[in-house]
C-alpha atoms as a PDB file:
ATOM      1  CA  UNK A   1      78.756 128.804  69.820  1.00  0.00           C
ATOM      2  CA  UNK A   2      77.422 127.052  72.924  1.00  0.00           C
ATOM      3  CA  UNK A   3      74.386 125.642  71.095  1.00  0.00           C
ATOM      4  CA  UNK A   4      76.643 124.365  68.285  1.00  0.00           C
ATOM      5  CA  UNK A   5      78.926 122.614  70.777  1.00  0.00           C
ATOM      6  CA  UNK A   6      75.964 121.100  72.603  1.00  0.00           C
ATOM      7  CA  UNK A   7      74.484 119.782  69.354  1.00  0.00           C
ATOM      8  CA  UNK A   8      77.792 118.211  68.359  1.00  0.00           C
ATOM      9  CA  UNK A   9      78.015 116.507  71.757  1.00  0.00           C
ATOM     10  CA  UNK A  10      74.477 115.157  71.389  1.00  0.00           C
ATOM     11  CA  UNK A  11      75.412 113.878  67.925  1.00  0.00           C
ATOM     12  CA  UNK A  12      78.328 111.966  69.448  1.00  0.00           C
ATOM     13  CA  UNK A  13      81.124 114.059  67.926  1.00  0.00           C
ATOM     14  CA  UNK A  14      84.328 112.632  69.412  1.00  0.00           C
ATOM     15  CA  UNK A  15      86.585 115.625  68.743  1.00  0.00           C
ATOM     16  CA  UNK A  16      84.148 118.058  70.314  1.00  0.00           C
ATOM     17  CA  UNK A  17      83.756 115.782  73.344  1.00  0.00           C
ATOM     18  CA  UNK A  18      87.525 115.401  73.740  1.00  0.00           C
ATOM     19  CA  UNK A  19      88.004 119.169  73.505  1.00  0.00           C
ATOM     20  CA  UNK A  20      85.227 119.874  75.999  1.00  0.00           C
ATOM     21  CA  UNK A  21      86.548 117.338  78.537  1.00  0.00           C
ATOM     22  CA  UNK A  22      90.027 118.834  78.177  1.00  0.00           C
ATOM     23  CA  UNK A  23      88.623 122.320  78.794  1.00  0.00           C
ATOM     24  CA  UNK A  24      86.672 121.039  81.810  1.00  0.00           C
ATOM     25  CA  UNK A  25      89.802 119.431  83.237  1.00  0.00           C
ATOM     26  CA  UNK A  26      91.780 122.644  82.660  1.00  0.00           C
ATOM     27  CA  UNK A  27      89.067 124.833  84.184  1.00  0.00           C
ATOM     28  CA  UNK A  28      88.521 126.886  81.015  1.00  0.00           C
ATOM     29  CA  UNK A  29      85.799 129.558  81.480  1.00  0.00           C
ATOM     30  CA  UNK A  30      82.619 128.932  79.515  1.00  0.00           C
ATOM     31  CA  UNK A  31      82.463 125.172  80.023  1.00  0.00           C
ATOM     32  CA  UNK A  32      79.890 125.550  82.819  1.00  0.00           C
ATOM     33  CA  UNK A  33      77.343 127.015  80.391  1.00  0.00           C
ATOM     34  CA  UNK A  34      77.793 124.026  78.077  1.00  0.00           C
ATOM     35  CA  UNK A  35      77.436 121.608  80.992  1.00  0.00           C
ATOM     36  CA  UNK A  36      74.242 123.358  82.064  1.00  0.00           C
ATOM     37  CA  UNK A  37      72.831 122.895  78.567  1.00  0.00           C
ATOM     38  CA  UNK A  38      73.695 119.206  78.215  1.00  0.00           C
ATOM     39  CA  UNK A  39      72.640 118.183  81.734  1.00  0.00           C
ATOM     40  CA  UNK A  40      69.019 117.690  80.737  1.00  0.00           C
ATOM     41  CA  UNK A  41      70.198 115.070  78.247  1.00  0.00           C
ATOM     42  CA  UNK A  42      71.963 112.925  80.860  1.00  0.00           C
ATOM     43  CA  UNK A  43      70.802 110.057  83.062  1.00  0.00           C
ATOM     44  CA  UNK A  44      70.580 107.295  80.452  1.00  0.00           C
ATOM     45  CA  UNK A  45      74.049 105.732  80.585  1.00  0.00           C
ATOM     46  CA  UNK A  46      74.950 102.988  83.049  1.00  0.00           C
ATOM     47  CA  UNK A  47      78.047 103.941  85.038  1.00  0.00           C
ATOM     48  CA  UNK A  48      80.471 101.246  86.204  1.00  0.00           C
ATOM     49  CA  UNK A  49      83.210 102.136  88.683  1.00  0.00           C
ATOM     50  CA  UNK A  50      86.407 100.079  88.712  1.00  0.00           C
ATOM     51  CA  UNK A  51      88.720 100.594  91.678  1.00  0.00           C
ATOM     52  CA  UNK A  52      91.475  98.820  93.552  1.00  0.00           C
ATOM     53  CA  UNK A  53      95.108  99.189  94.542  1.00  0.00           C
ATOM     54  CA  UNK A  54      97.769  99.956  91.898  1.00  0.00           C
ATOM     55  CA  UNK A  55      99.069  96.851  90.166  1.00  0.00           C
ATOM     56  CA  UNK A  56      95.911  94.751  90.432  1.00  0.00           C
ATOM     57  CA  UNK A  57      95.315  94.908  86.667  1.00  0.00           C
ATOM     58  CA  UNK A  58      92.389  97.331  86.524  1.00  0.00           C
ATOM     59  CA  UNK A  59      93.300  98.692  83.086  1.00  0.00           C
ATOM     60  CA  UNK A  60      93.646  95.248  81.544  1.00  0.00           C
ATOM     61  CA  UNK A  61      90.315  94.292  83.088  1.00  0.00           C
ATOM     62  CA  UNK A  62      88.662  97.404  81.634  1.00  0.00           C
ATOM     63  CA  UNK A  63      90.186  96.680  78.230  1.00  0.00           C
ATOM     64  CA  UNK A  64      88.609  93.213  78.210  1.00  0.00           C
ATOM     65  CA  UNK A  65      85.285  94.615  79.463  1.00  0.00           C
ATOM     66  CA  UNK A  66      85.219  97.055  76.549  1.00  0.00           C
ATOM     67  CA  UNK A  67      85.803  94.151  74.162  1.00  0.00           C
ATOM     68  CA  UNK A  68      82.956  92.149  75.710  1.00  0.00           C
ATOM     69  CA  UNK A  69      80.490  95.059  75.694  1.00  0.00           C
ATOM     70  CA  UNK A  70      81.296  95.931  72.080  1.00  0.00           C
ATOM     71  CA  UNK A  71      80.667  92.334  71.035  1.00  0.00           C
ATOM     72  CA  UNK A  72      77.198  92.806  72.523  1.00  0.00           C
ATOM     73  CA  UNK A  73      76.696  95.907  70.382  1.00  0.00           C
ATOM     74  CA  UNK A  74      76.951  98.382  73.282  1.00  0.00           C
ATOM     75  CA  UNK A  75      78.734 101.729  73.025  1.00  0.00           C
ATOM     76  CA  UNK A  76      81.281 102.456  75.731  1.00  0.00           C
ATOM     77  CA  UNK A  77      82.862 105.532  77.249  1.00  0.00           C
ATOM     78  CA  UNK A  78      85.910 105.172  79.506  1.00  0.00           C
ATOM     79  CA  UNK A  79      87.367 107.691  81.941  1.00  0.00           C
ATOM     80  CA  UNK A  80      90.740 106.544  83.265  1.00  0.00           C
ATOM     81  CA  UNK A  81      91.815 108.594  86.285  1.00  0.00           C
ATOM     82  CA  UNK A  82      95.602 108.794  86.078  1.00  0.00           C
ATOM     83  CA  UNK A  83      98.171 110.317  88.441  1.00  0.00           C
ATOM     84  CA  UNK A  84      98.898 113.968  87.732  1.00  0.00           C
ATOM     85  CA  UNK A  85     102.178 114.747  85.987  1.00  0.00           C
ATOM     86  CA  UNK A  86     104.433 116.827  88.274  1.00  0.00           C
ATOM     87  CA  UNK A  87     105.671 118.728  85.203  1.00  0.00           C
ATOM     88  CA  UNK A  88     102.677 119.472  82.983  1.00  0.00           C
ATOM     89  CA  UNK A  89      99.889 118.989  85.524  1.00  0.00           C
ATOM     90  CA  UNK A  90      98.155 116.647  83.092  1.00  0.00           C
ATOM     91  CA  UNK A  91      97.364 112.946  83.321  1.00  0.00           C
ATOM     92  CA  UNK A  92     100.080 110.340  82.867  1.00  0.00           C
ATOM     93  CA  UNK A  93      98.495 108.214  80.162  1.00  0.00           C
ATOM     94  CA  UNK A  94      99.483 104.766  81.426  1.00  0.00           C
ATOM     95  CA  UNK A  95      95.927 103.440  81.566  1.00  0.00           C
ATOM     96  CA  UNK A  96      94.904 104.624  78.116  1.00  0.00           C
ATOM     97  CA  UNK A  97      97.960 103.035  76.487  1.00  0.00           C
ATOM     98  CA  UNK A  98      96.683  99.598  77.521  1.00  0.00           C
ATOM     99  CA  UNK A  99      93.427 100.205  75.609  1.00  0.00           C
ATOM    100  CA  UNK A 100      94.971 101.226  72.269  1.00  0.00           C
ATOM    101  CA  UNK A 101      93.274  98.433  70.324  1.00  0.00           C
ATOM    102  CA  UNK A 102      89.952 100.273  70.720  1.00  0.00           C
ATOM    103  CA  UNK A 103      91.265 103.649  69.527  1.00  0.00           C
ATOM    104  CA  UNK A 104      89.829 103.294  66.006  1.00  0.00           C
ATOM    105  CA  UNK A 105      86.434 102.026  67.193  1.00  0.00           C
ATOM    106  CA  UNK A 106      83.789 104.758  66.815  1.00  0.00           C
ATOM    107  CA  UNK A 107      81.704 103.016  69.471  1.00  0.00           C
ATOM    108  CA  UNK A 108      84.392 103.540  72.109  1.00  0.00           C
ATOM    109  CA  UNK A 109      85.563 106.821  73.605  1.00  0.00           C
ATOM    110  CA  UNK A 110      88.505 106.712  76.028  1.00  0.00           C
ATOM    111  CA  UNK A 111      89.817 109.689  77.945  1.00  0.00           C
ATOM    112  CA  UNK A 112      92.438 110.038  80.679  1.00  0.00           C
ATOM    113  CA  UNK A 113      91.893 112.580  83.438  1.00  0.00           C
ATOM    114  CA  UNK A 114      94.325 113.860  86.050  1.00  0.00           C
ATOM    115  CA  UNK A 115      93.743 113.229  89.741  1.00  0.00           C
ATOM    116  CA  UNK A 116      94.734 116.834  90.558  1.00  0.00           C
ATOM    117  CA  UNK A 117      96.020 115.536  93.884  1.00  0.00           C
ATOM    118  CA  UNK A 118      92.822 113.659  94.771  1.00  0.00           C
ATOM    119  CA  UNK A 119      94.175 110.122  94.766  1.00  0.00           C
ATOM    120  CA  UNK A 120      91.428 107.561  94.482  1.00  0.00           C
ATOM    121  CA  UNK A 121      88.602 110.059  94.722  1.00  0.00           C
ATOM    122  CA  UNK A 122      86.689 111.740  91.946  1.00  0.00           C
ATOM    123  CA  UNK A 123      87.358 115.329  91.009  1.00  0.00           C
ATOM    124  CA  UNK A 124      84.510 117.582  89.932  1.00  0.00           C
ATOM    125  CA  UNK A 125      85.883 117.454  86.385  1.00  0.00           C
ATOM    126  CA  UNK A 126      85.435 113.659  86.394  1.00  0.00           C
ATOM    127  CA  UNK A 127      81.760 113.982  87.303  1.00  0.00           C
ATOM    128  CA  UNK A 128      81.326 116.577  84.567  1.00  0.00           C
ATOM    129  CA  UNK A 129      83.104 114.310  82.073  1.00  0.00           C
ATOM    130  CA  UNK A 130      80.643 111.535  82.959  1.00  0.00           C
ATOM    131  CA  UNK A 131      77.826 113.909  81.975  1.00  0.00           C
ATOM    132  CA  UNK A 132      79.529 114.609  78.640  1.00  0.00           C
ATOM    133  CA  UNK A 133      79.824 110.898  77.773  1.00  0.00           C
ATOM    134  CA  UNK A 134      76.252 110.353  78.946  1.00  0.00           C
ATOM    135  CA  UNK A 135      74.982 113.145  76.684  1.00  0.00           C
ATOM    136  CA  UNK A 136      76.956 111.617  73.791  1.00  0.00           C
ATOM    137  CA  UNK A 137      74.687 108.587  74.080  1.00  0.00           C
ATOM    138  CA  UNK A 138      77.125 106.011  75.436  1.00  0.00           C
ATOM    139  CA  UNK A 139      75.353 102.917  76.775  1.00  0.00           C
ATOM    140  CA  UNK A 140      78.019 102.231  79.398  1.00  0.00           C
ATOM    141  CA  UNK A 141      80.519 104.543  81.060  1.00  0.00           C
ATOM    142  CA  UNK A 142      83.433 102.877  82.846  1.00  0.00           C
ATOM    143  CA  UNK A 143      85.326 105.000  85.371  1.00  0.00           C
ATOM    144  CA  UNK A 144      88.658 103.573  86.492  1.00  0.00           C
ATOM    145  CA  UNK A 145      90.120 105.260  89.575  1.00  0.00           C
ATOM    146  CA  UNK A 146      93.705 105.390  90.783  1.00  0.00           C
ATOM    147  CA  UNK A 147      92.724 103.353  93.841  1.00  0.00           C
ATOM    148  CA  UNK A 148      95.161 104.840  96.338  1.00  0.00           C
ATOM    149  CA  UNK A 149      94.102 105.485  99.924  1.00  0.00           C
ATOM    150  CA  UNK A 150      90.749 105.530 101.634  1.00  0.00           C
ATOM    151  CA  UNK A 151      89.134 107.971  99.211  1.00  0.00           C
ATOM    152  CA  UNK A 152      88.802 105.227  96.579  1.00  0.00           C
ATOM    153  CA  UNK A 153      85.260 104.651  97.873  1.00  0.00           C
ATOM    154  CA  UNK A 154      84.241 107.988  96.297  1.00  0.00           C
ATOM    155  CA  UNK A 155      83.569 106.198  93.028  1.00  0.00           C
ATOM    156  CA  UNK A 156      80.488 104.597  94.583  1.00  0.00           C
ATOM    157  CA  UNK A 157      78.797 108.008  94.718  1.00  0.00           C
ATOM    158  CA  UNK A 158      78.714 108.341  90.943  1.00  0.00           C
ATOM    159  CA  UNK A 159      78.643 104.696  89.805  1.00  0.00           C
ATOM    160  CA  UNK A 160      75.601 102.472  89.411  1.00  0.00           C
ATOM    161  CA  UNK A 161      77.781  99.396  89.955  1.00  0.00           C
ATOM    162  CA  UNK A 162      81.111  99.491  91.798  1.00  0.00           C
ATOM    163  CA  UNK A 163      83.658  96.748  91.109  1.00  0.00           C
ATOM    164  CA  UNK A 164      86.506  96.242  93.606  1.00  0.00           C
ATOM    165  CA  UNK A 165      89.562  94.540  92.111  1.00  0.00           C
ATOM    166  CA  UNK A 166      92.119  92.752  94.295  1.00  0.00           C
ATOM    167  CA  UNK A 167      94.970  90.329  93.632  1.00  0.00           C
ATOM    168  CA  UNK A 168      96.405  87.488  95.685  1.00  0.00           C
ATOM    169  CA  UNK A 169      99.308  88.181  97.997  1.00  0.00           C
ATOM    170  CA  UNK A 170      98.849  91.926  98.530  1.00  0.00           C
ATOM    171  CA  UNK A 171      96.918  91.893 101.782  1.00  0.00           C
ATOM    172  CA  UNK A 172      93.889  93.433 100.127  1.00  0.00           C
ATOM    173  CA  UNK A 173      91.541  91.817 102.628  1.00  0.00           C
ATOM    174  CA  UNK A 174      93.118  93.950 105.371  1.00  0.00           C
ATOM    175  CA  UNK A 175      92.971  97.074 103.224  1.00  0.00           C
ATOM    176  CA  UNK A 176      89.348  96.267 102.454  1.00  0.00           C
ATOM    177  CA  UNK A 177      88.390  96.615 106.114  1.00  0.00           C
ATOM    178  CA  UNK A 178      90.409  99.834 106.519  1.00  0.00           C
ATOM    179  CA  UNK A 179      88.850 101.477 103.486  1.00  0.00           C
ATOM    180  CA  UNK A 180      85.345 100.351 104.339  1.00  0.00           C
ATOM    181  CA  UNK A 181      84.822  99.038 100.816  1.00  0.00           C
ATOM    182  CA  UNK A 182      82.445  96.350 102.041  1.00  0.00           C
ATOM    183  CA  UNK A 183      79.857  99.080 102.248  1.00  0.00           C
ATOM    184  CA  UNK A 184      80.303 100.269  98.650  1.00  0.00           C
ATOM    185  CA  UNK A 185      81.561  97.277  96.646  1.00  0.00           C
ATOM    186  CA  UNK A 186      78.855  95.623  94.546  1.00  0.00           C
ATOM    187  CA  UNK A 187      81.139  93.055  92.913  1.00  0.00           C
ATOM    188  CA  UNK A 188      84.574  91.824  94.002  1.00  0.00           C
ATOM    189  CA  UNK A 189      87.070  90.451  91.484  1.00  0.00           C
ATOM    190  CA  UNK A 190      90.221  88.542  92.391  1.00  0.00           C
ATOM    191  CA  UNK A 191      92.363  89.227  89.326  1.00  0.00           C
ATOM    192  CA  UNK A 192      95.531  87.314  88.415  1.00  0.00           C
ATOM    193  CA  UNK A 193      93.873  84.280  89.962  1.00  0.00           C
ATOM    194  CA  UNK A 194      96.484  81.999  88.407  1.00  0.00           C
ATOM    195  CA  UNK A 195      98.750  82.871  91.332  1.00  0.00           C
ATOM    196  CA  UNK A 196      99.276  80.098  93.931  1.00  0.00           C
ATOM    197  CA  UNK A 197      97.634  81.948  96.835  1.00  0.00           C
ATOM    198  CA  UNK A 198      94.456  82.896  94.939  1.00  0.00           C
ATOM    199  CA  UNK A 199      92.375  80.341  96.844  1.00  0.00           C
ATOM    200  CA  UNK A 200      93.609  81.723 100.158  1.00  0.00           C
ATOM    201  CA  UNK A 201      92.559  85.232  99.120  1.00  0.00           C
ATOM    202  CA  UNK A 202      89.150  83.891  98.130  1.00  0.00           C
ATOM    203  CA  UNK A 203      88.808  82.130 101.499  1.00  0.00           C
ATOM    204  CA  UNK A 204      89.850  85.281 103.386  1.00  0.00           C
ATOM    205  CA  UNK A 205      87.375  87.466 101.524  1.00  0.00           C
ATOM    206  CA  UNK A 206      84.530  85.012 102.112  1.00  0.00           C
ATOM    207  CA  UNK A 207      85.356  84.915 105.815  1.00  0.00           C
ATOM    208  CA  UNK A 208      85.229  88.706 106.003  1.00  0.00           C
ATOM    209  CA  UNK A 209      81.985  88.724 104.037  1.00  0.00           C
ATOM    210  CA  UNK A 210      80.433  86.471 106.662  1.00  0.00           C
ATOM    211  CA  UNK A 211      81.326  89.045 109.320  1.00  0.00           C
ATOM    212  CA  UNK A 212      79.919  91.956 107.315  1.00  0.00           C
ATOM    213  CA  UNK A 213      76.946  90.099 105.790  1.00  0.00           C
ATOM    214  CA  UNK A 214      74.257  92.284 107.379  1.00  0.00           C
ATOM    215  CA  UNK A 215      75.692  95.395 105.746  1.00  0.00           C
ATOM    216  CA  UNK A 216      76.210  93.640 102.422  1.00  0.00           C
ATOM    217  CA  UNK A 217      72.673  92.331 102.025  1.00  0.00           C
ATOM    218  CA  UNK A 218      70.845  95.454 103.198  1.00  0.00           C
ATOM    219  CA  UNK A 219      69.266  96.027  99.763  1.00  0.00           C
ATOM    220  CA  UNK A 220      68.792  92.418  98.777  1.00  0.00           C
ATOM    221  CA  UNK A 221      72.056  92.148  96.846  1.00  0.00           C
ATOM    222  CA  UNK A 222      74.926  89.980  98.049  1.00  0.00           C
ATOM    223  CA  UNK A 223      78.168  90.989  96.309  1.00  0.00           C
ATOM    224  CA  UNK A 224      79.700  88.039  94.469  1.00  0.00           C
ATOM    225  CA  UNK A 225      83.421  87.231  94.516  1.00  0.00           C
ATOM    226  CA  UNK A 226      84.738  86.361  91.061  1.00  0.00           C
ATOM    227  CA  UNK A 227      88.034  84.827  89.971  1.00  0.00           C
ATOM    228  CA  UNK A 228      89.582  86.333  86.847  1.00  0.00           C
ATOM    229  CA  UNK A 229      92.693  86.463  84.710  1.00  0.00           C
ATOM    230  CA  UNK A 230      92.171  89.643  82.706  1.00  0.00           C
ATOM    231  CA  UNK A 231      95.324  89.166  80.640  1.00  0.00           C
ATOM    232  CA  UNK A 232      93.864  85.882  79.323  1.00  0.00           C
ATOM    233  CA  UNK A 233      90.289  87.191  79.126  1.00  0.00           C
ATOM    234  CA  UNK A 234      89.166  84.654  81.736  1.00  0.00           C
ATOM    235  CA  UNK A 235      86.302  85.597  84.022  1.00  0.00           C
ATOM    236  CA  UNK A 236      85.349  88.698  82.033  1.00  0.00           C
ATOM    237  CA  UNK A 237      82.113  87.247  80.670  1.00  0.00           C
ATOM    238  CA  UNK A 238      81.120  86.252  84.216  1.00  0.00           C
ATOM    239  CA  UNK A 239      81.905  89.777  85.426  1.00  0.00           C
ATOM    240  CA  UNK A 240      79.707  91.357  82.737  1.00  0.00           C
ATOM    241  CA  UNK A 241      76.923  88.896  83.641  1.00  0.00           C
ATOM    242  CA  UNK A 242      77.105  89.905  87.301  1.00  0.00           C
ATOM    243  CA  UNK A 243      77.044  93.580  86.365  1.00  0.00           C
ATOM    244  CA  UNK A 244      73.860  92.958  84.392  1.00  0.00           C
ATOM    245  CA  UNK A 245      72.359  91.051  87.326  1.00  0.00           C
ATOM    246  CA  UNK A 246      73.160  93.949  89.644  1.00  0.00           C
ATOM    247  CA  UNK A 247      71.619  96.355  87.147  1.00  0.00           C
ATOM    248  CA  UNK A 248      68.395  94.336  87.148  1.00  0.00           C
ATOM    249  CA  UNK A 249      68.406  94.099  90.952  1.00  0.00           C
ATOM    250  CA  UNK A 250      68.420  97.902  91.179  1.00  0.00           C
ATOM    251  CA  UNK A 251      65.126  97.991  89.312  1.00  0.00           C
ATOM    252  CA  UNK A 252      63.459  95.995  92.099  1.00  0.00           C
ATOM    253  CA  UNK A 253      64.290  98.572  94.787  1.00  0.00           C
ATOM    254  CA  UNK A 254      61.407 100.413  96.389  1.00  0.00           C
ATOM    255  CA  UNK A 255      60.522 103.892  95.185  1.00  0.00           C
ATOM    256  CA  UNK A 256      61.536 105.352  98.558  1.00  0.00           C
ATOM    257  CA  UNK A 257      64.981 103.692  98.367  1.00  0.00           C
ATOM    258  CA  UNK A 258      65.561 104.963  94.830  1.00  0.00           C
ATOM    259  CA  UNK A 259      64.597 108.520  95.799  1.00  0.00           C
ATOM    260  CA  UNK A 260      66.784 108.360  98.910  1.00  0.00           C
ATOM    261  CA  UNK A 261      69.798 107.212  96.893  1.00  0.00           C
ATOM    262  CA  UNK A 262      69.258 109.850  94.202  1.00  0.00           C
ATOM    263  CA  UNK A 263      68.971 112.540  96.848  1.00  0.00           C
ATOM    264  CA  UNK A 264      72.169 111.355  98.553  1.00  0.00           C
ATOM    265  CA  UNK A 265      74.077 111.414  95.253  1.00  0.00           C
ATOM    266  CA  UNK A 266      72.703 114.842  94.331  1.00  0.00           C
ATOM    267  CA  UNK A 267      73.561 116.186  97.788  1.00  0.00           C
ATOM    268  CA  UNK A 268      77.160 114.939  97.625  1.00  0.00           C
ATOM    269  CA  UNK A 269      77.647 116.310  94.122  1.00  0.00           C
ATOM    270  CA  UNK A 270      76.137 119.699  94.953  1.00  0.00           C
ATOM    271  CA  UNK A 271      78.229 120.049  98.121  1.00  0.00           C
ATOM    272  CA  UNK A 272      81.400 119.114  96.220  1.00  0.00           C
ATOM    273  CA  UNK A 273      80.537 121.625  93.513  1.00  0.00           C
ATOM    274  CA  UNK A 274      79.943 124.373  96.067  1.00  0.00           C
ATOM    275  CA  UNK A 275      83.221 123.557  97.837  1.00  0.00           C
ATOM    276  CA  UNK A 276      85.166 123.678  94.563  1.00  0.00           C
ATOM    277  CA  UNK A 277      83.574 126.982  93.556  1.00  0.00           C
ATOM    278  CA  UNK A 278      84.128 128.580  96.967  1.00  0.00           C
ATOM    279  CA  UNK A 279      87.715 127.373  97.178  1.00  0.00           C
ATOM    280  CA  UNK A 280      88.630 128.569  93.684  1.00  0.00           C
ATOM    281  CA  UNK A 281      86.995 131.972  94.048  1.00  0.00           C
ATOM    282  CA  UNK A 282      88.507 132.595  97.486  1.00  0.00           C
ATOM    283  CA  UNK A 283      91.948 131.464  96.300  1.00  0.00           C
ATOM    284  CA  UNK A 284      91.791 133.634  93.181  1.00  0.00           C
ATOM    285  CA  UNK A 285      90.684 136.617  95.253  1.00  0.00           C
ATOM    286  CA  UNK A 286      93.599 136.231  97.675  1.00  0.00           C
ATOM    287  CA  UNK A 287      96.392 135.388  95.217  1.00  0.00           C
ATOM    288  CA  UNK A 288      95.470 138.194  92.802  1.00  0.00           C
ATOM    289  CA  UNK A 289      95.576 140.869  95.518  1.00  0.00           C
ATOM    290  CA  UNK A 290      98.485 143.327  95.993  1.00  0.00           C
ATOM    291  CA  UNK A 291      98.785 142.132  99.603  1.00  0.00           C
ATOM    292  CA  UNK A 292      99.628 138.621  98.451  1.00  0.00           C
ATOM    293  CA  UNK A 293     102.613 139.929  96.480  1.00  0.00           C
ATOM    294  CA  UNK A 294     103.796 141.930  99.496  1.00  0.00           C
ATOM    295  CA  UNK A 295     103.579 138.928 101.832  1.00  0.00           C
ATOM    296  CA  UNK A 296     105.229 136.724  99.209  1.00  0.00           C
ATOM    297  CA  UNK A 297     108.196 139.102  99.033  1.00  0.00           C
ATOM    298  CA  UNK A 298     108.408 139.149 102.833  1.00  0.00           C
ATOM    299  CA  UNK A 299     108.527 135.362 103.013  1.00  0.00           C
ATOM    300  CA  UNK A 300     111.082 135.207 100.192  1.00  0.00           C
ATOM    301  CA  UNK A 301     113.307 137.774 101.879  1.00  0.00           C
ATOM    302  CA  UNK A 302     112.964 136.076 105.268  1.00  0.00           C
ATOM    303  CA  UNK A 303     111.426 139.086 107.033  1.00  0.00           C
ATOM    304  CA  UNK A 304     108.238 137.131 107.808  1.00  0.00           C
ATOM    305  CA  UNK A 305     107.588 133.440 108.335  1.00  0.00           C
ATOM    306  CA  UNK A 306     105.032 131.734 106.008  1.00  0.00           C
ATOM    307  CA  UNK A 307     102.768 130.764 108.927  1.00  0.00           C
ATOM    308  CA  UNK A 308     102.264 134.367 110.022  1.00  0.00           C
ATOM    309  CA  UNK A 309     101.875 135.466 106.403  1.00  0.00           C
ATOM    310  CA  UNK A 310      99.153 132.853 105.851  1.00  0.00           C
ATOM    311  CA  UNK A 311      97.285 133.763 109.047  1.00  0.00           C
ATOM    312  CA  UNK A 312      97.397 137.501 108.376  1.00  0.00           C
ATOM    313  CA  UNK A 313      96.365 137.159 104.727  1.00  0.00           C
ATOM    314  CA  UNK A 314      93.429 134.893 105.537  1.00  0.00           C
ATOM    315  CA  UNK A 315      92.346 137.039 108.450  1.00  0.00           C
ATOM    316  CA  UNK A 316      92.205 140.161 106.288  1.00  0.00           C
ATOM    317  CA  UNK A 317      90.878 138.635 103.078  1.00  0.00           C
ATOM    318  CA  UNK A 318      88.277 136.280 104.533  1.00  0.00           C
ATOM    319  CA  UNK A 319      86.823 139.125 106.589  1.00  0.00           C
ATOM    320  CA  UNK A 320      86.533 141.116 103.369  1.00  0.00           C
ATOM    321  CA  UNK A 321      84.821 138.216 101.590  1.00  0.00           C
ATOM    322  CA  UNK A 322      82.498 137.798 104.565  1.00  0.00           C
ATOM    323  CA  UNK A 323      81.521 141.473 104.384  1.00  0.00           C
ATOM    324  CA  UNK A 324      80.799 141.080 100.678  1.00  0.00           C
ATOM    325  CA  UNK A 325      78.564 138.072 101.353  1.00  0.00           C
ATOM    326  CA  UNK A 326      76.716 139.942 104.095  1.00  0.00           C
ATOM    327  CA  UNK A 327      75.920 142.724 101.632  1.00  0.00           C
ATOM    328  CA  UNK A 328      74.228 140.257  99.268  1.00  0.00           C
ATOM    329  CA  UNK A 329      70.413 140.022  99.364  1.00  0.00           C
ATOM    330  CA  UNK A 330      68.956 137.205 101.429  1.00  0.00           C
ATOM    331  CA  UNK A 331      69.104 133.938  99.456  1.00  0.00           C
ATOM    332  CA  UNK A 332      65.524 133.000 100.312  1.00  0.00           C
ATOM    333  CA  UNK A 333      64.273 136.389  99.132  1.00  0.00           C
ATOM    334  CA  UNK A 334      66.274 135.970  95.941  1.00  0.00           C
ATOM    335  CA  UNK A 335      64.789 132.527  95.206  1.00  0.00           C
ATOM    336  CA  UNK A 336      61.259 133.784  95.860  1.00  0.00           C
ATOM    337  CA  UNK A 337      61.864 136.730  93.517  1.00  0.00           C
ATOM    338  CA  UNK A 338      63.075 134.350  90.778  1.00  0.00           C
ATOM    339  CA  UNK A 339      59.778 132.428  90.915  1.00  0.00           C
END
């Protein structure tokens, strides 16, 4: 069953990919074995991150980028990170609706994913979904984040090129400093540039770039600032040209720099994966215990406050988990034995 699913993914089967990404997002058991099998087939796609505050026109920009890439004969995968529905827990499909014209194009695969409470940042399921689209053979993978809060810079960990989208009149230049996006943005786009104060926004961004120039040019790439009107398809060709220039500039980096960046990305991803696994297993262990039901009844009946219940549960259960870990064989000995 696993080998059949893997082969369908490698053959670019859209239904199988959609089902697998849904199962990944829902945490269905068994998906990890499929991800392990397809991982060796990843690393070929070019990942573009699109982020910015809500209302800046990211989805419209992505829609026009898809159109431009398809005209060049490139296949495209899109992951649109949407807010989580408070009712179903799934993604609110606002972003995908704006890309409906590509729904019948076999060279385009679009999927919405829920934030699961991680506004702006990438969930582990998003990183896994990137691997699925990569294994499908997509030339480009565009990841559009919610862009709320300081965690929006997380996209830079998984993207080869990060595009920051702003609009005139929203004070984005101030938010840019707060979020530290000067350190992760490879290309800046002022969308809706037909607005009267677009030139002022451009001037403000350039002034801030002058202040942060040393950080921006550390690897020989100076992020350009582009003017665009995504709704009218203006500035999109220039954006795709700059993305290609940035892609070529990455090939000129020294071997040491490339290895350092790969190691940093792998480290972040592995740590996030470990945190997710530890959190889920510890939570499942606690909430499935008889003690949890007892404490829950106490809190419901008002005989114990939730703070004391939390402290007592964690104190008892985490000590138990710690004892279990201590009884495991030494990790180093285990790794040596595996060799």
